[in-house]
Amino acid sequence: MGGRMAEKARCVLGQTTVEAAIALPVLFILVLMLVQPAIVLYDRMVMEGAAWEGCRLLATAQTNAQGSCEAFVRRRLSAVPSVDCFHVHGRECTWRITCKGDGSSSHVSVSISTEVKPLPLLDTASALLGLLNERGCLEVKVSATAETKSDWVQDALGGSDPGEKVGEWLHDH
């Protein structure tokens, strides 16, 4: 009777090993499929925050501040690791930042784009789905647009140029 129990236990252990050999690769692929979207989501969150902060900077700037806005946004984007699966930063940095407008404009906008190298196994699936560009990377883009002053403020002030306001005040007194 003891021999049959030992034989049955060995059979169950063998079955568990076979099930694990099948389940572990499937589990690994499922985890891998969840990691790539999490990376892209993190990138988008950081990029959107940087774009909105750039809009805020442009809206308060009195002159052309696109250069300082771009430097400000790049500093915020340093929260994204310079690892190809987060942001391709090889020979040439793939951050593309466009800042438009200033405090005298009615609207300001900041657009940011970058490239992300897909993780192994997902690169093949992404290529088959046509999600990759010519360099084999995913493109991530965000943009933010904001009004410099609300319409009611523009109407109440009679415009947005501070120089005109000072001139009007000096002529009135």
N, C-alpha and C. Protein backbone atom coordinates (compact mmCIF):
# COMPACT_ATOMS: atom_id res chain seq x y z
N MET A 1 0.82 -1.18 0.00
CA MET A 1 0.00 0.00 0.00
C MET A 1 0.87 1.26 0.00
N GLY A 2 1.99 1.26 0.76
CA GLY A 2 2.87 2.40 0.83
C GLY A 2 3.52 2.69 -0.52
N GLY A 3 3.77 1.64 -1.32
CA GLY A 3 4.39 1.83 -2.62
C GLY A 3 3.46 2.54 -3.59
N ARG A 4 2.17 2.19 -3.49
CA ARG A 4 1.20 2.85 -4.38
C ARG A 4 1.07 4.34 -4.07
N MET A 5 1.13 4.68 -2.77
CA MET A 5 1.02 6.09 -2.37
C MET A 5 2.23 6.89 -2.88
N ALA A 6 3.40 6.31 -2.76
CA ALA A 6 4.62 6.98 -3.23
C ALA A 6 4.57 7.16 -4.74
N GLU A 7 4.09 6.13 -5.43
CA GLU A 7 3.99 6.22 -6.89
C GLU A 7 2.97 7.29 -7.30
N LYS A 8 1.85 7.37 -6.59
CA LYS A 8 0.83 8.36 -6.87
C LYS A 8 1.36 9.78 -6.60
N ALA A 9 2.13 9.95 -5.52
CA ALA A 9 2.70 11.25 -5.19
C ALA A 9 3.68 11.69 -6.27
N ARG A 10 4.50 10.74 -6.78
CA ARG A 10 5.44 11.06 -7.85
C ARG A 10 4.70 11.48 -9.12
N CYS A 11 3.60 10.84 -9.40
CA CYS A 11 2.80 11.16 -10.58
C CYS A 11 2.23 12.57 -10.46
N VAL A 12 1.74 12.92 -9.25
CA VAL A 12 1.19 14.26 -9.02
C VAL A 12 2.29 15.31 -9.13
N LEU A 13 3.48 15.02 -8.57
CA LEU A 13 4.60 15.96 -8.67
C LEU A 13 5.02 16.16 -10.11
N GLY A 14 5.02 15.10 -10.89
CA GLY A 14 5.36 15.21 -12.31
C GLY A 14 4.35 16.05 -13.05
N GLN A 15 3.09 15.88 -12.71
CA GLN A 15 2.03 16.66 -13.35
C GLN A 15 2.17 18.14 -13.00
N THR A 16 2.51 18.44 -11.75
CA THR A 16 2.70 19.83 -11.32
C THR A 16 3.85 20.47 -12.07
N THR A 17 4.91 19.73 -12.30
CA THR A 17 6.07 20.24 -13.03
C THR A 17 5.68 20.57 -14.47
N VAL A 18 4.92 19.70 -15.09
CA VAL A 18 4.48 19.94 -16.47
C VAL A 18 3.56 21.16 -16.53
N GLU A 19 2.64 21.29 -15.56
CA GLU A 19 1.74 22.44 -15.53
C GLU A 19 2.52 23.74 -15.32
N ALA A 20 3.52 23.70 -14.46
CA ALA A 20 4.33 24.89 -14.22
C ALA A 20 5.13 25.26 -15.47
N ALA A 21 5.62 24.25 -16.19
CA ALA A 21 6.39 24.51 -17.41
C ALA A 21 5.52 25.19 -18.47
N ILE A 22 4.24 24.94 -18.44
CA ILE A 22 3.33 25.58 -19.39
C ILE A 22 2.86 26.94 -18.85
N ALA A 23 2.56 27.01 -17.56
CA ALA A 23 1.97 28.21 -16.97
C ALA A 23 2.98 29.36 -16.83
N LEU A 24 4.24 29.08 -16.51
CA LEU A 24 5.22 30.14 -16.28
C LEU A 24 5.47 30.99 -17.53
N PRO A 25 5.69 30.41 -18.69
CA PRO A 25 5.86 31.28 -19.87
C PRO A 25 4.62 32.11 -20.18
N VAL A 26 3.44 31.53 -20.00
CA VAL A 26 2.21 32.28 -20.23
C VAL A 26 2.11 33.43 -19.24
N LEU A 27 2.42 33.17 -17.99
CA LEU A 27 2.40 34.22 -16.97
C LEU A 27 3.42 35.31 -17.29
N PHE A 28 4.61 34.92 -17.74
CA PHE A 28 5.64 35.88 -18.10
C PHE A 28 5.17 36.77 -19.25
N ILE A 29 4.55 36.21 -20.24
CA ILE A 29 4.06 36.99 -21.38
C ILE A 29 2.96 37.94 -20.94
N LEU A 30 2.08 37.49 -20.05
CA LEU A 30 1.02 38.37 -19.55
C LEU A 30 1.60 39.56 -18.78
N VAL A 31 2.60 39.31 -17.95
CA VAL A 31 3.25 40.40 -17.20
C VAL A 31 3.92 41.36 -18.18
N LEU A 32 4.60 40.80 -19.18
CA LEU A 32 5.27 41.63 -20.17
C LEU A 32 4.26 42.50 -20.93
N MET A 33 3.09 41.95 -21.21
CA MET A 33 2.05 42.70 -21.92
C MET A 33 1.47 43.82 -21.05
N LEU A 34 1.58 43.71 -19.74
CA LEU A 34 1.10 44.77 -18.84
C LEU A 34 2.16 45.83 -18.59
N VAL A 35 3.43 45.47 -18.69
CA VAL A 35 4.51 46.41 -18.39
C VAL A 35 4.62 47.48 -19.48
N GLN A 36 4.51 47.11 -20.76
CA GLN A 36 4.65 48.08 -21.84
C GLN A 36 3.59 49.18 -21.77
N PRO A 37 2.31 48.86 -21.60
CA PRO A 37 1.34 49.95 -21.46
C PRO A 37 1.60 50.81 -20.21
N ALA A 38 2.08 50.21 -19.15
CA ALA A 38 2.38 50.99 -17.94
C ALA A 38 3.51 51.98 -18.21
N ILE A 39 4.51 51.57 -18.97
CA ILE A 39 5.62 52.46 -19.32
C ILE A 39 5.11 53.63 -20.17
N VAL A 40 4.30 53.32 -21.18
CA VAL A 40 3.78 54.38 -22.06
C VAL A 40 2.86 55.31 -21.26
N LEU A 41 2.08 54.77 -20.36
CA LEU A 41 1.21 55.60 -19.52
C LEU A 41 2.03 56.54 -18.63
N TYR A 42 3.11 56.03 -18.05
CA TYR A 42 3.99 56.87 -17.23
C TYR A 42 4.57 58.00 -18.08
N ASP A 43 5.07 57.65 -19.27
CA ASP A 43 5.62 58.67 -20.16
C ASP A 43 4.59 59.75 -20.46
N ARG A 44 3.37 59.33 -20.80
CA ARG A 44 2.31 60.29 -21.14
C ARG A 44 1.97 61.19 -19.95
N MET A 45 1.94 60.63 -18.75
CA MET A 45 1.62 61.44 -17.57
C MET A 45 2.68 62.51 -17.34
N VAL A 46 3.94 62.13 -17.44
CA VAL A 46 5.03 63.10 -17.25
C VAL A 46 5.00 64.15 -18.37
N MET A 47 4.77 63.70 -19.60
CA MET A 47 4.74 64.61 -20.74
C MET A 47 3.57 65.59 -20.63
N GLU A 48 2.40 65.12 -20.25
CA GLU A 48 1.25 66.01 -20.12
C GLU A 48 1.47 67.04 -19.00
N GLY A 49 2.04 66.60 -17.89
CA GLY A 49 2.34 67.55 -16.81
C GLY A 49 3.32 68.61 -17.26
N ALA A 50 4.35 68.20 -17.99
CA ALA A 50 5.35 69.15 -18.48
C ALA A 50 4.73 70.10 -19.50
N ALA A 51 3.83 69.60 -20.35
CA ALA A 51 3.19 70.46 -21.36
C ALA A 51 2.31 71.51 -20.69
N TRP A 52 1.54 71.13 -19.68
CA TRP A 52 0.69 72.11 -18.99
C TRP A 52 1.52 73.12 -18.22
N GLU A 53 2.61 72.68 -17.61
CA GLU A 53 3.49 73.63 -16.91
C GLU A 53 4.13 74.58 -17.89
N GLY A 54 4.48 74.08 -19.08
CA GLY A 54 5.02 74.94 -20.13
C GLY A 54 4.00 75.99 -20.57
N CYS A 55 2.73 75.58 -20.69
CA CYS A 55 1.66 76.53 -21.04
C CYS A 55 1.54 77.62 -19.98
N ARG A 56 1.61 77.22 -18.74
CA ARG A 56 1.53 78.19 -17.65
C ARG A 56 2.68 79.19 -17.72
N LEU A 57 3.88 78.69 -18.04
CA LEU A 57 5.04 79.56 -18.17
C LEU A 57 4.86 80.53 -19.34
N LEU A 58 4.42 80.02 -20.49
CA LEU A 58 4.22 80.88 -21.65
C LEU A 58 3.15 81.93 -21.40
N ALA A 59 2.08 81.55 -20.72
CA ALA A 59 0.97 82.48 -20.47
C ALA A 59 1.39 83.65 -19.60
N THR A 60 2.41 83.47 -18.79
CA THR A 60 2.86 84.55 -17.90
C THR A 60 4.07 85.30 -18.46
N ALA A 61 4.60 84.84 -19.59
CA ALA A 61 5.76 85.49 -20.19
C ALA A 61 5.33 86.72 -20.97
N GLN A 62 6.10 87.80 -20.89
CA GLN A 62 5.75 89.04 -21.57
C GLN A 62 6.33 89.12 -22.99
N THR A 63 7.39 88.40 -23.26
CA THR A 63 8.01 88.43 -24.58
C THR A 63 8.17 87.00 -25.07
N ASN A 64 8.75 86.85 -26.23
CA ASN A 64 8.98 85.51 -26.78
C ASN A 64 9.82 84.70 -25.82
N ALA A 65 9.20 83.69 -25.24
CA ALA A 65 9.88 82.88 -24.23
C ALA A 65 9.96 81.41 -24.66
N GLN A 66 9.89 81.15 -25.96
CA GLN A 66 9.88 79.78 -26.43
C GLN A 66 11.15 79.03 -26.04
N GLY A 67 12.29 79.69 -26.10
CA GLY A 67 13.56 79.04 -25.73
C GLY A 67 13.60 78.65 -24.26
N SER A 68 13.21 79.58 -23.40
CA SER A 68 13.22 79.26 -21.97
C SER A 68 12.13 78.26 -21.63
N CYS A 69 11.01 78.30 -22.35
CA CYS A 69 9.94 77.33 -22.13
C CYS A 69 10.41 75.93 -22.50
N GLU A 70 11.11 75.82 -23.63
CA GLU A 70 11.61 74.51 -24.06
C GLU A 70 12.60 73.96 -23.04
N ALA A 71 13.50 74.80 -22.53
CA ALA A 71 14.45 74.35 -21.51
C ALA A 71 13.72 73.92 -20.24
N PHE A 72 12.69 74.67 -19.85
CA PHE A 72 11.89 74.34 -18.68
C PHE A 72 11.20 73.00 -18.85
N VAL A 73 10.59 72.78 -20.02
CA VAL A 73 9.90 71.52 -20.30
C VAL A 73 10.89 70.36 -20.31
N ARG A 74 12.06 70.55 -20.93
CA ARG A 74 13.09 69.48 -20.95
C ARG A 74 13.49 69.10 -19.53
N ARG A 75 13.59 70.08 -18.67
CA ARG A 75 13.94 69.80 -17.27
C ARG A 75 12.87 68.94 -16.61
N ARG A 76 11.61 69.24 -16.88
CA ARG A 76 10.51 68.43 -16.33
C ARG A 76 10.51 67.03 -16.92
N LEU A 77 10.91 66.91 -18.17
CA LEU A 77 10.92 65.60 -18.84
C LEU A 77 12.07 64.71 -18.36
N SER A 78 12.99 65.27 -17.58
CA SER A 78 14.10 64.45 -17.07
C SER A 78 13.60 63.40 -16.08
N ALA A 79 12.32 63.46 -15.68
CA ALA A 79 11.74 62.43 -14.82
C ALA A 79 11.55 61.11 -15.57
N VAL A 80 11.59 61.17 -16.89
CA VAL A 80 11.50 59.95 -17.71
C VAL A 80 12.90 59.40 -17.88
N PRO A 81 13.15 58.14 -17.47
CA PRO A 81 14.50 57.57 -17.59
C PRO A 81 14.98 57.53 -19.04
N SER A 82 16.27 57.73 -19.23
CA SER A 82 16.85 57.67 -20.57
C SER A 82 17.18 56.22 -20.94
N VAL A 83 16.18 55.38 -20.84
CA VAL A 83 16.28 53.97 -21.21
C VAL A 83 15.36 53.80 -22.41
N ASP A 84 15.81 53.07 -23.42
CA ASP A 84 15.07 53.00 -24.67
C ASP A 84 13.62 52.56 -24.53
N CYS A 85 13.31 51.74 -23.53
CA CYS A 85 11.91 51.31 -23.38
C CYS A 85 11.05 52.42 -22.76
N PHE A 86 11.67 53.48 -22.22
CA PHE A 86 10.94 54.64 -21.71
C PHE A 86 11.02 55.82 -22.68
N HIS A 87 12.24 56.05 -23.20
CA HIS A 87 12.49 57.18 -24.08
C HIS A 87 13.81 56.92 -24.80
N VAL A 88 13.77 56.91 -26.13
CA VAL A 88 14.99 56.65 -26.91
C VAL A 88 15.89 57.87 -26.79
N HIS A 89 17.05 57.65 -26.25
CA HIS A 89 18.00 58.75 -25.99
C HIS A 89 19.40 58.31 -26.42
N GLY A 90 19.49 57.74 -27.60
CA GLY A 90 20.78 57.24 -28.10
C GLY A 90 21.62 58.35 -28.67
N ARG A 91 22.01 58.19 -29.94
CA ARG A 91 22.84 59.21 -30.59
C ARG A 91 22.12 60.55 -30.66
N GLU A 92 20.82 60.49 -30.81
CA GLU A 92 20.03 61.71 -30.95
C GLU A 92 18.81 61.62 -30.04
N CYS A 93 18.63 62.62 -29.21
CA CYS A 93 17.48 62.65 -28.30
C CYS A 93 16.20 62.78 -29.12
N THR A 94 15.18 62.00 -28.77
CA THR A 94 13.94 62.01 -29.55
C THR A 94 12.87 62.94 -28.97
N TRP A 95 13.20 63.74 -27.96
CA TRP A 95 12.21 64.72 -27.48
C TRP A 95 12.02 65.77 -28.55
N ARG A 96 10.80 66.02 -28.95
CA ARG A 96 10.45 67.10 -29.88
C ARG A 96 9.47 68.00 -29.14
N ILE A 97 9.91 69.23 -28.86
CA ILE A 97 9.11 70.16 -28.06
C ILE A 97 8.82 71.40 -28.90
N THR A 98 7.54 71.77 -28.98
CA THR A 98 7.13 72.96 -29.72
C THR A 98 6.34 73.84 -28.77
N CYS A 99 6.82 75.08 -28.58
CA CYS A 99 6.15 76.05 -27.71
C CYS A 99 5.68 77.21 -28.57
N LYS A 100 4.40 77.60 -28.42
CA LYS A 100 3.85 78.70 -29.21
C LYS A 100 3.10 79.67 -28.31
N GLY A 101 3.31 80.97 -28.56
CA GLY A 101 2.58 82.01 -27.86
C GLY A 101 3.34 82.60 -26.69
N ASP A 102 2.76 83.65 -26.11
CA ASP A 102 3.28 84.28 -24.89
C ASP A 102 2.14 85.00 -24.20
N GLY A 103 2.44 85.80 -23.22
CA GLY A 103 1.41 86.46 -22.44
C GLY A 103 0.53 87.42 -23.23
N SER A 104 1.01 87.93 -24.36
CA SER A 104 0.19 88.83 -25.17
C SER A 104 -0.69 88.08 -26.17
N SER A 105 -0.49 86.79 -26.32
CA SER A 105 -1.33 85.97 -27.20
C SER A 105 -2.62 85.61 -26.49
N SER A 106 -3.61 85.24 -27.27
CA SER A 106 -4.86 84.80 -26.64
C SER A 106 -4.76 83.35 -26.18
N HIS A 107 -3.94 82.56 -26.85
CA HIS A 107 -3.74 81.15 -26.49
C HIS A 107 -2.25 80.82 -26.54
N VAL A 108 -1.86 79.87 -25.73
CA VAL A 108 -0.50 79.32 -25.77
C VAL A 108 -0.63 77.81 -25.92
N SER A 109 0.40 77.19 -26.50
CA SER A 109 0.36 75.74 -26.65
C SER A 109 1.76 75.15 -26.55
N VAL A 110 1.81 73.94 -26.05
CA VAL A 110 3.06 73.18 -25.96
C VAL A 110 2.76 71.78 -26.46
N SER A 111 3.55 71.31 -27.42
CA SER A 111 3.42 69.96 -27.94
C SER A 111 4.72 69.21 -27.68
N ILE A 112 4.61 67.96 -27.24
CA ILE A 112 5.77 67.14 -26.94
C ILE A 112 5.58 65.78 -27.58
N SER A 113 6.64 65.27 -28.19
CA SER A 113 6.59 63.90 -28.72
C SER A 113 7.93 63.23 -28.46
N THR A 114 7.90 61.92 -28.40
CA THR A 114 9.11 61.13 -28.20
C THR A 114 8.91 59.76 -28.82
N GLU A 115 9.94 58.94 -28.78
CA GLU A 115 9.88 57.58 -29.28
C GLU A 115 10.21 56.61 -28.15
N VAL A 116 9.54 55.47 -28.16
CA VAL A 116 9.72 54.43 -27.16
C VAL A 116 10.00 53.12 -27.88
N LYS A 117 11.05 52.45 -27.47
CA LYS A 117 11.38 51.15 -28.06
C LYS A 117 10.53 50.08 -27.37
N PRO A 118 9.74 49.30 -28.12
CA PRO A 118 8.91 48.28 -27.48
C PRO A 118 9.76 47.18 -26.84
N LEU A 119 9.21 46.58 -25.81
CA LEU A 119 9.90 45.48 -25.13
C LEU A 119 9.96 44.26 -26.05
N PRO A 120 10.90 43.33 -25.79
CA PRO A 120 10.99 42.13 -26.61
C PRO A 120 9.65 41.38 -26.64
N LEU A 121 9.40 40.72 -27.71
CA LEU A 121 8.16 39.99 -28.02
C LEU A 121 7.05 40.95 -28.42
N LEU A 122 6.94 42.09 -27.75
CA LEU A 122 5.90 43.05 -28.11
C LEU A 122 6.28 43.85 -29.34
N ASP A 123 7.59 43.92 -29.64
CA ASP A 123 8.01 44.64 -30.83
C ASP A 123 7.50 43.94 -32.09
N THR A 124 7.50 42.63 -32.09
CA THR A 124 6.99 41.89 -33.24
C THR A 124 5.49 42.10 -33.39
N ALA A 125 4.78 42.00 -32.29
CA ALA A 125 3.32 42.22 -32.33
C ALA A 125 3.00 43.64 -32.76
N SER A 126 3.76 44.61 -32.26
CA SER A 126 3.53 46.01 -32.62
C SER A 126 3.82 46.24 -34.10
N ALA A 127 4.86 45.60 -34.61
CA ALA A 127 5.19 45.74 -36.03
C ALA A 127 4.08 45.13 -36.90
N LEU A 128 3.56 43.98 -36.49
CA LEU A 128 2.48 43.35 -37.25
C LEU A 128 1.22 44.20 -37.25
N LEU A 129 0.98 44.92 -36.16
CA LEU A 129 -0.20 45.78 -36.06
C LEU A 129 0.02 47.15 -36.73
N GLY A 130 1.26 47.43 -37.16
CA GLY A 130 1.56 48.69 -37.81
C GLY A 130 1.68 49.86 -36.86
N LEU A 131 2.04 49.61 -35.61
CA LEU A 131 2.14 50.66 -34.61
C LEU A 131 3.52 51.31 -34.55
N LEU A 132 4.50 50.75 -35.25
CA LEU A 132 5.88 51.24 -35.17
C LEU A 132 6.21 52.17 -36.32
N ASN A 133 7.10 53.12 -36.07
CA ASN A 133 7.57 54.01 -37.14
C ASN A 133 8.71 53.32 -37.90
N GLU A 134 9.35 54.06 -38.80
CA GLU A 134 10.40 53.47 -39.64
C GLU A 134 11.63 53.04 -38.84
N ARG A 135 11.83 53.57 -37.64
CA ARG A 135 12.97 53.17 -36.80
C ARG A 135 12.60 52.04 -35.83
N GLY A 136 11.40 51.52 -35.93
CA GLY A 136 10.97 50.42 -35.07
C GLY A 136 10.57 50.87 -33.66
N CYS A 137 10.10 52.11 -33.53
CA CYS A 137 9.72 52.66 -32.23
C CYS A 137 8.26 53.08 -32.23
N LEU A 138 7.68 53.08 -31.03
CA LEU A 138 6.35 53.64 -30.83
C LEU A 138 6.49 55.15 -30.65
N GLU A 139 5.59 55.92 -31.23
CA GLU A 139 5.62 57.36 -31.04
C GLU A 139 4.57 57.74 -30.00
N VAL A 140 4.99 58.57 -29.04
CA VAL A 140 4.10 59.05 -27.99
C VAL A 140 4.03 60.57 -28.14
N LYS A 141 2.81 61.10 -28.28
CA LYS A 141 2.63 62.54 -28.48
C LYS A 141 1.58 63.08 -27.51
N VAL A 142 1.84 64.27 -26.99
CA VAL A 142 0.85 64.99 -26.19
C VAL A 142 0.91 66.47 -26.57
N SER A 143 -0.18 67.17 -26.32
CA SER A 143 -0.16 68.61 -26.52
C SER A 143 -1.14 69.24 -25.53
N ALA A 144 -0.84 70.46 -25.19
CA ALA A 144 -1.69 71.22 -24.26
C ALA A 144 -1.87 72.62 -24.83
N THR A 145 -3.09 73.12 -24.75
CA THR A 145 -3.40 74.48 -25.20
C THR A 145 -4.19 75.16 -24.09
N ALA A 146 -3.82 76.39 -23.81
CA ALA A 146 -4.50 77.12 -22.74
C ALA A 146 -4.72 78.57 -23.16
N GLU A 147 -5.78 79.16 -22.64
CA GLU A 147 -6.02 80.58 -22.84
C GLU A 147 -5.11 81.35 -21.89
N THR A 148 -4.60 82.48 -22.35
CA THR A 148 -3.77 83.28 -21.45
C THR A 148 -4.63 84.04 -20.47
N LYS A 149 -5.78 84.50 -20.93
CA LYS A 149 -6.75 85.17 -20.05
C LYS A 149 -8.14 84.78 -20.52
N SER A 150 -9.05 84.63 -19.61
CA SER A 150 -10.42 84.30 -19.97
C SER A 150 -11.03 85.43 -20.79
N ASP A 151 -12.06 85.09 -21.56
CA ASP A 151 -12.72 86.08 -22.41
C ASP A 151 -13.25 87.27 -21.60
N TRP A 152 -13.81 87.00 -20.44
CA TRP A 152 -14.37 88.10 -19.65
C TRP A 152 -13.27 89.03 -19.14
N VAL A 153 -12.07 88.48 -18.90
CA VAL A 153 -10.95 89.32 -18.47
C VAL A 153 -10.49 90.18 -19.64
N GLN A 154 -10.40 89.57 -20.83
CA GLN A 154 -10.00 90.32 -22.02
C GLN A 154 -10.97 91.48 -22.26
N ASP A 155 -12.27 91.22 -22.16
CA ASP A 155 -13.27 92.26 -22.39
C ASP A 155 -13.19 93.36 -21.33
N ALA A 156 -13.01 92.96 -20.07
CA ALA A 156 -12.96 93.94 -18.98
C ALA A 156 -11.72 94.83 -19.09
N LEU A 157 -10.61 94.25 -19.55
CA LEU A 157 -9.38 95.02 -19.64
C LEU A 157 -9.23 95.73 -20.97
N GLY A 158 -10.05 95.38 -21.94
CA GLY A 158 -9.95 96.02 -23.25
C GLY A 158 -8.74 95.54 -24.03
N GLY A 159 -8.28 94.34 -23.81
CA GLY A 159 -7.13 93.78 -24.52
C GLY A 159 -6.19 93.11 -23.54
N SER A 160 -5.05 92.65 -24.07
CA SER A 160 -4.14 91.92 -23.20
C SER A 160 -2.74 92.50 -23.15
N ASP A 161 -2.46 93.57 -23.86
CA ASP A 161 -1.12 94.14 -23.88
C ASP A 161 -0.93 95.04 -22.66
N PRO A 162 -0.02 94.66 -21.73
CA PRO A 162 0.18 95.49 -20.54
C PRO A 162 0.70 96.89 -20.87
N GLY A 163 1.47 97.03 -21.95
CA GLY A 163 1.99 98.34 -22.33
C GLY A 163 0.87 99.32 -22.65
N GLU A 164 -0.18 98.82 -23.29
CA GLU A 164 -1.33 99.68 -23.59
C GLU A 164 -2.03 100.12 -22.32
N LYS A 165 -2.10 99.24 -21.34
CA LYS A 165 -2.77 99.57 -20.07
C LYS A 165 -2.04 100.69 -19.36
N VAL A 166 -0.72 100.62 -19.34
CA VAL A 166 0.07 101.65 -18.68
C VAL A 166 -0.11 102.98 -19.41
N GLY A 167 -0.11 102.92 -20.73
CA GLY A 167 -0.29 104.14 -21.51
C GLY A 167 -1.65 104.75 -21.26
N GLU A 168 -2.71 103.94 -21.21
CA GLU A 168 -4.05 104.45 -20.93
C GLU A 168 -4.11 105.06 -19.54
N TRP A 169 -3.49 104.43 -18.58
CA TRP A 169 -3.53 104.95 -17.21
C TRP A 169 -2.80 106.29 -17.13
N LEU A 170 -1.67 106.42 -17.81
CA LEU A 170 -0.92 107.68 -17.77
C LEU A 170 -1.71 108.81 -18.43
N HIS A 171 -2.43 108.51 -19.53
CA HIS A 171 -3.20 109.55 -20.22
C HIS A 171 -4.43 109.96 -19.44
N ASP A 172 -4.99 109.02 -18.64
CA ASP A 172 -6.18 109.33 -17.86
C ASP A 172 -5.85 110.24 -16.68
N HIS A 173 -4.65 110.21 -16.17
CA HIS A 173 -4.32 110.98 -14.96
C HIS A 173 -3.45 112.16 -15.24
